[in-house]
């Protein structure tokens, strides 16, 4: 079963720190239409809004300077973290990374996100 979500929502896995197997989930949503069902399903899979990063709301650009590709609505940027791992400081083992990402991907597919990109830091970003 696929649940229809707002097509304005974007989701990306991003590398957390220098640990290549530790990822968080970045979600950008319209500020006025938070995907509470999606967030609840991700929470049930162990992915919750990271309390260390307050949600950021980016207002829509003023109409006078707005480009055609710019949104006409405020965007809320959320960072979600997966369950703690058994590694140092709660980091994930390779097996845990596969398990936690698979659990999140399963939820995302159910909500209409068939593919989700993974952004990894380059070597120069880690220096």
Foldseek 3Di string as FASTA:
>chain_A
DAAEDDPVKAKAWEDDAQPQLFTKIKIKDFPVDDPPVLQVQLVVLAKHFDPVDDWDKAAFDPPVPDDPPTDNGIITITIIGGAFDPDDPRDHDNVRSVSSVVSSQVSVVNHPPPDHYYHYDDPVVND
